[in-house]
C-alpha atoms as a PDB file:
ATOM      1  CA  VAL A   1      59.120  14.191 -29.240  1.00  0.00           C
ATOM      2  CA  LEU A   2      60.231  14.311 -25.608  1.00  0.00           C
ATOM      3  CA  PHE A   3      57.882  17.200 -24.909  1.00  0.00           C
ATOM      4  CA  GLY A   4      54.992  15.323 -26.558  1.00  0.00           C
ATOM      5  CA  ALA A   5      55.741  12.180 -24.528  1.00  0.00           C
ATOM      6  CA  ILE A   6      55.833  14.202 -21.281  1.00  0.00           C
ATOM      7  CA  LEU A   7      52.562  15.901 -22.190  1.00  0.00           C
ATOM      8  CA  LEU A   8      50.826  12.587 -22.923  1.00  0.00           C
ATOM      9  CA  TRP A   9      52.208  11.122 -19.696  1.00  0.00           C
ATOM     10  CA  ALA A  10      50.906  14.134 -17.749  1.00  0.00           C
ATOM     11  CA  VAL A  11      47.457  13.779 -19.341  1.00  0.00           C
ATOM     12  CA  LEU A  12      47.440  10.051 -18.489  1.00  0.00           C
ATOM     13  CA  VAL A  13      48.464  10.678 -14.867  1.00  0.00           C
ATOM     14  CA  PHE A  14      45.810  13.373 -14.500  1.00  0.00           C
ATOM     15  CA  ARG A  15      43.178  11.054 -15.976  1.00  0.00           C
ATOM     16  CA  LEU A  16      44.139   8.230 -13.622  1.00  0.00           C
ATOM     17  CA  PHE A  17      44.073  10.639 -10.674  1.00  0.00           C
ATOM     18  CA  TRP A  18      40.621  11.859 -11.716  1.00  0.00           C
ATOM     19  CA  LEU A  19      39.180   8.359 -12.092  1.00  0.00           C
ATOM     20  CA  GLN A  20      40.845   6.625  -9.152  1.00  0.00           C
ATOM     21  CA  ILE A  21      40.922   9.425  -6.566  1.00  0.00           C
ATOM     22  CA  VAL A  22      38.412  12.169  -7.342  1.00  0.00           C
ATOM     23  CA  LYS A  23      35.661   9.924  -8.803  1.00  0.00           C
ATOM     24  CA  TYR A  24      36.484   6.829  -6.734  1.00  0.00           C
ATOM     25  CA  ASP A  25      33.317   6.804  -4.604  1.00  0.00           C
ATOM     26  CA  GLU A  26      31.026   7.261  -7.592  1.00  0.00           C
ATOM     27  CA  TYR A  27      32.573   4.483  -9.671  1.00  0.00           C
ATOM     28  CA  HIS A  28      32.853   2.204  -6.655  1.00  0.00           C
ATOM     29  CA  ARG A  29      29.096   2.502  -6.110  1.00  0.00           C
ATOM     30  CA  LEU A  30      28.448   1.721  -9.781  1.00  0.00           C
ATOM     31  CA  VAL A  31      30.661  -1.374  -9.662  1.00  0.00           C
ATOM     32  CA  ILE A  32      28.980  -2.680  -6.501  1.00  0.00           C
ATOM     33  CA  ALA A  33      25.541  -2.073  -8.007  1.00  0.00           C
ATOM     34  CA  ASN A  34      26.580  -3.930 -11.146  1.00  0.00           C
ATOM     35  CA  ILE A  35      27.891  -7.082  -9.453  1.00  0.00           C
ATOM     36  CA  THR A  36      25.398  -7.419  -6.585  1.00  0.00           C
ATOM     37  CA  ALA A  37      21.672  -7.936  -6.184  1.00  0.00           C
ATOM     38  CA  SER A  38      19.819  -6.755  -3.118  1.00  0.00           C
ATOM     39  CA  SER A  39      16.437  -7.931  -1.820  1.00  0.00           C
ATOM     40  CA  GLU A  40      14.594  -6.586   1.198  1.00  0.00           C
ATOM     41  CA  ILE A  41      13.339  -8.710   4.094  1.00  0.00           C
ATOM     42  CA  SER A  42      10.170  -7.199   5.511  1.00  0.00           C
ATOM     43  CA  ALA A  43      10.154  -6.555   9.260  1.00  0.00           C
ATOM     44  CA  PRO A  44       7.236  -7.811  11.401  1.00  0.00           C
ATOM     45  CA  ARG A  45       5.000  -4.951  12.501  1.00  0.00           C
ATOM     46  CA  GLY A  46       4.483  -4.521  16.235  1.00  0.00           C
ATOM     47  CA  ILE A  47       1.434  -6.127  17.835  1.00  0.00           C
ATOM     48  CA  ILE A  48      -1.424  -4.088  19.300  1.00  0.00           C
ATOM     49  CA  TYR A  49      -2.845  -5.528  22.562  1.00  0.00           C
ATOM     50  CA  ASP A  50      -5.807  -4.731  24.750  1.00  0.00           C
ATOM     51  CA  ARG A  51      -5.267  -4.038  28.486  1.00  0.00           C
ATOM     52  CA  ASN A  52      -5.196  -7.779  29.259  1.00  0.00           C
ATOM     53  CA  MET A  53      -2.619  -8.533  26.530  1.00  0.00           C
ATOM     54  CA  THR A  54      -5.211  -9.974  24.148  1.00  0.00           C
ATOM     55  CA  GLU A  55      -4.024  -9.459  20.572  1.00  0.00           C
ATOM     56  CA  LEU A  56      -6.088  -6.929  18.633  1.00  0.00           C
ATOM     57  CA  ALA A  57      -3.786  -6.531  15.618  1.00  0.00           C
ATOM     58  CA  ILE A  58      -1.241  -9.160  14.593  1.00  0.00           C
ATOM     59  CA  ASN A  59       0.722 -10.297  11.555  1.00  0.00           C
ATOM     60  CA  THR A  60       0.233 -13.344   9.365  1.00  0.00           C
ATOM     61  CA  THR A  61       3.099 -14.722   7.295  1.00  0.00           C
ATOM     62  CA  LEU A  62       2.327 -15.275   3.625  1.00  0.00           C
ATOM     63  CA  GLN A  63       4.572 -15.710   0.596  1.00  0.00           C
ATOM     64  CA  ARG A  64       5.608 -13.585  -2.354  1.00  0.00           C
ATOM     65  CA  VAL A  65       6.194 -15.727  -5.434  1.00  0.00           C
ATOM     66  CA  PHE A  66       8.722 -14.373  -7.912  1.00  0.00           C
ATOM     67  CA  ILE A  67      10.870 -15.671 -10.749  1.00  0.00           C
ATOM     68  CA  ALA A  68      14.447 -14.955 -11.818  1.00  0.00           C
ATOM     69  CA  PRO A  69      14.300 -14.864 -15.643  1.00  0.00           C
ATOM     70  CA  CYS A  70      18.110 -14.826 -15.795  1.00  0.00           C
ATOM     71  CA  ASP A  71      18.125 -18.355 -14.318  1.00  0.00           C
ATOM     72  CA  ILE A  72      15.627 -19.891 -16.760  1.00  0.00           C
ATOM     73  CA  ARG A  73      17.553 -22.538 -18.680  1.00  0.00           C
ATOM     74  CA  ASP A  74      15.624 -22.745 -21.959  1.00  0.00           C
ATOM     75  CA  GLU A  75      12.330 -22.112 -23.736  1.00  0.00           C
ATOM     76  CA  GLU A  76      10.858 -25.422 -22.589  1.00  0.00           C
ATOM     77  CA  GLU A  77      11.460 -24.521 -18.929  1.00  0.00           C
ATOM     78  CA  LYS A  78       9.962 -21.081 -19.493  1.00  0.00           C
ATOM     79  CA  VAL A  79       6.726 -22.591 -20.842  1.00  0.00           C
ATOM     80  CA  LEU A  80       6.675 -25.166 -18.040  1.00  0.00           C
ATOM     81  CA  ILE A  81       6.827 -22.604 -15.214  1.00  0.00           C
ATOM     82  CA  ALA A  82       4.436 -20.171 -16.924  1.00  0.00           C
ATOM     83  CA  ARG A  83       1.831 -22.893 -17.404  1.00  0.00           C
ATOM     84  CA  PHE A  84       2.126 -24.149 -13.824  1.00  0.00           C
ATOM     85  CA  LEU A  85       2.182 -20.740 -12.114  1.00  0.00           C
ATOM     86  CA  SER A  86      -0.729 -19.433 -14.162  1.00  0.00           C
ATOM     87  CA  GLU A  87      -2.803 -22.434 -13.055  1.00  0.00           C
ATOM     88  CA  VAL A  88      -1.867 -22.626  -9.376  1.00  0.00           C
ATOM     89  CA  LEU A  89      -1.944 -18.838  -8.825  1.00  0.00           C
ATOM     90  CA  ASP A  90      -4.944 -18.114 -11.085  1.00  0.00           C
ATOM     91  CA  GLY A  91      -2.697 -15.811 -13.085  1.00  0.00           C
ATOM     92  CA  ASP A  92      -2.467 -14.835 -16.737  1.00  0.00           C
ATOM     93  CA  TYR A  93      -0.187 -17.108 -18.784  1.00  0.00           C
ATOM     94  CA  ASP A  94       0.832 -14.402 -21.271  1.00  0.00           C
ATOM     95  CA  THR A  95       1.738 -11.979 -18.476  1.00  0.00           C
ATOM     96  CA  ILE A  96       4.012 -14.558 -16.855  1.00  0.00           C
ATOM     97  CA  ILE A  97       5.646 -15.319 -20.218  1.00  0.00           C
ATOM     98  CA  THR A  98       6.269 -11.587 -20.718  1.00  0.00           C
ATOM     99  CA  LYS A  99       7.995 -11.373 -17.344  1.00  0.00           C
ATOM    100  CA  ALA A 100       9.973 -14.547 -18.020  1.00  0.00           C
ATOM    101  CA  ASN A 101      11.258 -13.035 -21.274  1.00  0.00           C
ATOM    102  CA  LYS A 102      13.106 -10.307 -19.362  1.00  0.00           C
ATOM    103  CA  GLN A 103      16.211 -12.489 -19.453  1.00  0.00           C
ATOM    104  CA  TYR A 104      18.532 -10.157 -17.531  1.00  0.00           C
ATOM    105  CA  ARG A 105      16.127  -9.597 -14.659  1.00  0.00           C
ATOM    106  CA  GLN A 106      16.609 -11.383 -11.338  1.00  0.00           C
ATOM    107  CA  ASP A 107      13.308 -10.548  -9.659  1.00  0.00           C
ATOM    108  CA  GLU A 108       9.910 -10.444 -11.337  1.00  0.00           C
ATOM    109  CA  THR A 109       6.964 -10.715  -8.947  1.00  0.00           C
ATOM    110  CA  ILE A 110       4.261 -13.151 -10.020  1.00  0.00           C
ATOM    111  CA  LYS A 111       1.945 -12.810  -7.009  1.00  0.00           C
ATOM    112  CA  ASN A 112       1.964 -11.325  -3.505  1.00  0.00           C
ATOM    113  CA  TYR A 113       0.404 -12.732  -0.329  1.00  0.00           C
ATOM    114  CA  VAL A 114       0.175 -16.392  -1.351  1.00  0.00           C
ATOM    115  CA  GLU A 115      -1.360 -18.758   1.217  1.00  0.00           C
ATOM    116  CA  LYS A 116       0.662 -21.608   2.745  1.00  0.00           C
ATOM    117  CA  ASP A 117      -1.140 -24.469   0.975  1.00  0.00           C
ATOM    118  CA  VAL A 118      -0.485 -22.909  -2.439  1.00  0.00           C
ATOM    119  CA  ALA A 119       3.109 -22.077  -1.489  1.00  0.00           C
ATOM    120  CA  ASP A 120       3.654 -25.735  -0.540  1.00  0.00           C
ATOM    121  CA  LYS A 121       2.466 -26.843  -3.996  1.00  0.00           C
ATOM    122  CA  ILE A 122       4.953 -24.456  -5.603  1.00  0.00           C
ATOM    123  CA  ARG A 123       7.811 -25.750  -3.431  1.00  0.00           C
ATOM    124  CA  ALA A 124       6.948 -29.322  -4.419  1.00  0.00           C
ATOM    125  CA  PHE A 125       6.941 -28.300  -8.094  1.00  0.00           C
ATOM    126  CA  ILE A 126      10.357 -26.645  -7.693  1.00  0.00           C
ATOM    127  CA  ASP A 127      11.838 -29.777  -6.109  1.00  0.00           C
ATOM    128  CA  GLU A 128      10.223 -32.117  -8.631  1.00  0.00           C
ATOM    129  CA  ASN A 129      11.647 -30.211 -11.603  1.00  0.00           C
ATOM    130  CA  ASN A 130      14.944 -29.130  -9.994  1.00  0.00           C
ATOM    131  CA  LEU A 131      14.247 -25.462 -10.730  1.00  0.00           C
ATOM    132  CA  THR A 132      16.391 -22.504  -9.692  1.00  0.00           C
ATOM    133  CA  CYS A 133      14.278 -19.772 -11.274  1.00  0.00           C
ATOM    134  CA  ILE A 134      11.222 -19.797  -8.963  1.00  0.00           C
ATOM    135  CA  HIS A 135      11.528 -18.311  -5.483  1.00  0.00           C
ATOM    136  CA  LEU A 136       9.316 -17.655  -2.467  1.00  0.00           C
ATOM    137  CA  GLN A 137       9.853 -14.893   0.071  1.00  0.00           C
ATOM    138  CA  ASP A 138       8.122 -14.304   3.408  1.00  0.00           C
ATOM    139  CA  GLN A 139       5.644 -11.439   3.545  1.00  0.00           C
ATOM    140  CA  THR A 140       3.729 -10.167   6.547  1.00  0.00           C
ATOM    141  CA  LYS A 141       0.129  -9.024   6.306  1.00  0.00           C
ATOM    142  CA  ARG A 142      -1.884  -7.280   9.018  1.00  0.00           C
ATOM    143  CA  TYR A 143      -4.673  -9.322  10.557  1.00  0.00           C
ATOM    144  CA  TYR A 144      -7.350  -8.278  13.071  1.00  0.00           C
ATOM    145  CA  PRO A 145      -8.582 -11.340  15.051  1.00  0.00           C
ATOM    146  CA  PHE A 146     -11.827  -9.623  16.143  1.00  0.00           C
ATOM    147  CA  GLY A 147     -12.687  -8.167  12.767  1.00  0.00           C
ATOM    148  CA  SER A 148     -14.121  -4.666  12.990  1.00  0.00           C
ATOM    149  CA  LEU A 149     -14.080  -4.555  16.801  1.00  0.00           C
ATOM    150  CA  ALA A 150     -12.811  -1.116  17.898  1.00  0.00           C
ATOM    151  CA  ALA A 151     -11.789  -0.507  14.293  1.00  0.00           C
ATOM    152  CA  HIS A 152     -12.349   3.257  14.734  1.00  0.00           C
ATOM    153  CA  VAL A 153      -9.651   3.210  17.445  1.00  0.00           C
ATOM    154  CA  ILE A 154      -7.242   0.544  16.182  1.00  0.00           C
ATOM    155  CA  GLY A 155      -7.378   1.756  12.593  1.00  0.00           C
ATOM    156  CA  PHE A 156      -5.888  -0.125   9.657  1.00  0.00           C
ATOM    157  CA  THR A 157      -2.858  -0.328   7.379  1.00  0.00           C
ATOM    158  CA  GLY A 158      -2.408   0.038   3.646  1.00  0.00           C
ATOM    159  CA  THR A 159      -1.189  -2.607   1.206  1.00  0.00           C
ATOM    160  CA  ASP A 160       2.397  -1.613   1.984  1.00  0.00           C
ATOM    161  CA  GLY A 161       1.871  -2.197   5.716  1.00  0.00           C
ATOM    162  CA  THR A 162       1.935   1.499   6.664  1.00  0.00           C
ATOM    163  CA  GLY A 163      -0.617   2.750   9.200  1.00  0.00           C
ATOM    164  CA  LEU A 164      -3.378   4.819   7.628  1.00  0.00           C
ATOM    165  CA  TYR A 165      -5.837   5.435  10.482  1.00  0.00           C
ATOM    166  CA  GLY A 166      -6.252   5.187  14.254  1.00  0.00           C
ATOM    167  CA  LEU A 167      -3.505   3.739  16.441  1.00  0.00           C
ATOM    168  CA  GLU A 168      -1.928   2.144  13.388  1.00  0.00           C
ATOM    169  CA  LEU A 169      -1.297   5.648  12.051  1.00  0.00           C
ATOM    170  CA  GLU A 170      -0.635   7.453  15.349  1.00  0.00           C
ATOM    171  CA  TYR A 171       2.063   4.980  16.425  1.00  0.00           C
ATOM    172  CA  ASN A 172       3.216   3.977  12.960  1.00  0.00           C
ATOM    173  CA  ASN A 173       6.834   4.991  13.607  1.00  0.00           C
ATOM    174  CA  TYR A 174       6.955   2.731  16.661  1.00  0.00           C
ATOM    175  CA  LEU A 175       5.044  -0.193  15.155  1.00  0.00           C
ATOM    176  CA  THR A 176       7.135  -0.224  11.985  1.00  0.00           C
ATOM    177  CA  GLY A 177      10.231  -2.379  12.287  1.00  0.00           C
ATOM    178  CA  VAL A 178      13.553  -2.104  10.472  1.00  0.00           C
ATOM    179  CA  ALA A 179      13.689  -4.124   7.267  1.00  0.00           C
ATOM    180  CA  GLY A 180      16.491  -6.606   6.748  1.00  0.00           C
ATOM    181  CA  ARG A 181      18.388  -7.203   3.535  1.00  0.00           C
ATOM    182  CA  ILE A 182      20.033  -9.990   1.577  1.00  0.00           C
ATOM    183  CA  ILE A 183      22.861  -8.967  -0.753  1.00  0.00           C
ATOM    184  CA  THR A 184      24.203 -11.546  -3.218  1.00  0.00           C
ATOM    185  CA  SER A 185      26.920 -11.376  -5.840  1.00  0.00           C
ATOM    186  CA  THR A 186      25.762 -11.863  -9.418  1.00  0.00           C
ATOM    187  CA  ASN A 187      27.371 -13.040 -12.615  1.00  0.00           C
ATOM    188  CA  ALA A 188      27.358 -11.265 -15.983  1.00  0.00           C
ATOM    189  CA  ARG A 189      23.808 -12.489 -16.743  1.00  0.00           C
ATOM    190  CA  GLY A 190      22.469 -11.310 -13.402  1.00  0.00           C
ATOM    191  CA  GLY A 191      22.273 -14.808 -11.934  1.00  0.00           C
ATOM    192  CA  SER A 192      23.373 -15.565  -8.386  1.00  0.00           C
ATOM    193  CA  ILE A 193      26.796 -17.062  -7.713  1.00  0.00           C
ATOM    194  CA  PRO A 194      27.717 -19.296  -4.716  1.00  0.00           C
ATOM    195  CA  ALA A 195      26.105 -18.569  -1.355  1.00  0.00           C
ATOM    196  CA  LYS A 196      29.420 -17.900   0.388  1.00  0.00           C
ATOM    197  CA  TYR A 197      29.301 -14.441  -1.196  1.00  0.00           C
ATOM    198  CA  GLU A 198      25.996 -13.574   0.481  1.00  0.00           C
ATOM    199  CA  SER A 199      25.539 -10.835   3.056  1.00  0.00           C
ATOM    200  CA  TYR A 200      22.524 -11.132   5.363  1.00  0.00           C
ATOM    201  CA  THR A 201      21.117  -8.438   7.659  1.00  0.00           C
ATOM    202  CA  GLU A 202      18.265  -9.637   9.853  1.00  0.00           C
ATOM    203  CA  SER A 203      15.120  -7.530  10.164  1.00  0.00           C
ATOM    204  CA  GLU A 204      14.057  -5.981  13.485  1.00  0.00           C
ATOM    205  CA  SER A 205      10.452  -6.214  14.666  1.00  0.00           C
ATOM    206  CA  GLY A 206       8.525  -3.061  15.517  1.00  0.00           C
ATOM    207  CA  TYR A 207       7.538  -2.118  19.077  1.00  0.00           C
ATOM    208  CA  ASN A 208       4.287  -3.477  20.516  1.00  0.00           C
ATOM    209  CA  VAL A 209       1.505  -1.185  21.752  1.00  0.00           C
ATOM    210  CA  VAL A 210      -0.664  -1.963  24.811  1.00  0.00           C
ATOM    211  CA  THR A 211      -3.968  -0.066  24.885  1.00  0.00           C
ATOM    212  CA  THR A 212      -6.532   0.581  27.652  1.00  0.00           C
ATOM    213  CA  ILE A 213      -9.192  -1.263  25.642  1.00  0.00           C
ATOM    214  CA  ASP A 214     -10.819  -4.340  27.173  1.00  0.00           C
ATOM    215  CA  TYR A 215     -12.038  -6.295  24.173  1.00  0.00           C
ATOM    216  CA  LYS A 216     -14.858  -8.015  26.117  1.00  0.00           C
ATOM    217  CA  ILE A 217     -16.322  -4.717  27.374  1.00  0.00           C
ATOM    218  CA  GLN A 218     -15.757  -3.168  23.939  1.00  0.00           C
ATOM    219  CA  ALA A 219     -17.661  -6.015  22.273  1.00  0.00           C
ATOM    220  CA  MET A 220     -20.611  -5.663  24.670  1.00  0.00           C
ATOM    221  CA  LEU A 221     -20.757  -1.892  24.188  1.00  0.00           C
ATOM    222  CA  GLU A 222     -20.673  -2.168  20.396  1.00  0.00           C
ATOM    223  CA  GLN A 223     -23.416  -4.816  20.479  1.00  0.00           C
ATOM    224  CA  GLN A 224     -25.539  -2.586  22.741  1.00  0.00           C
ATOM    225  CA  VAL A 225     -25.092   0.368  20.390  1.00  0.00           C
ATOM    226  CA  MET A 226     -26.050  -1.803  17.409  1.00  0.00           C
ATOM    227  CA  ASP A 227     -29.147  -3.171  19.181  1.00  0.00           C
ATOM    228  CA  THR A 228     -30.214   0.354  20.178  1.00  0.00           C
ATOM    229  CA  PHE A 229     -29.799   1.555  16.601  1.00  0.00           C
ATOM    230  CA  TYR A 230     -31.992  -1.203  15.165  1.00  0.00           C
ATOM    231  CA  ASP A 231     -34.599  -0.898  17.949  1.00  0.00           C
ATOM    232  CA  ASN A 232     -35.051   2.785  17.202  1.00  0.00           C
ATOM    233  CA  ASN A 233     -35.232   2.323  13.434  1.00  0.00           C
ATOM    234  CA  SER A 234     -37.616  -0.617  13.307  1.00  0.00           C
END
């Protein structure tokens, strides 16, 4: 009996050592992942200027609209938000209902790049109905004030904001900022618990790029090339 008790004690000690010492880092990561929710804050991309500091490529701030199904109180509220969001965002009602039914999810995107006037309507709806399940998050989108001017040099970005051509691609590592992050503690249903448990890391903007382009001269040259093309093909 004594030998059996010692053996069981030894097995228990070894098991505790294995879980709490050897596998500590692994289980610690799993616990943190289970009780926290993390969302990324996009970093503003650097601005591209001409030689006179005229902006050739800038960022516009739009909104991502998403819902937290875990915070939807009842079926009536689910129908209410699905009907409203499908109307104001020109979305599909059934698709929104499907996302809202994922009751343990905290982040289901309804629409990206929502304009300010529409975002204001959604904020008013949230306040009017005292909702905690609809959220808006800043998003940056690349904008070129002069349209296609010098587009073959400036280039363009993809939907994820990564440079795909021209200066946007060549200097992508410099133009790309460092994303921030919000980490919140969550309850057993995946819902957020009081804000005092939040951790916030601010995003860092990317570096700006100053080119040798003069947008006025560039515009005149492009117009001259276009006129020459049409004159010789008329």
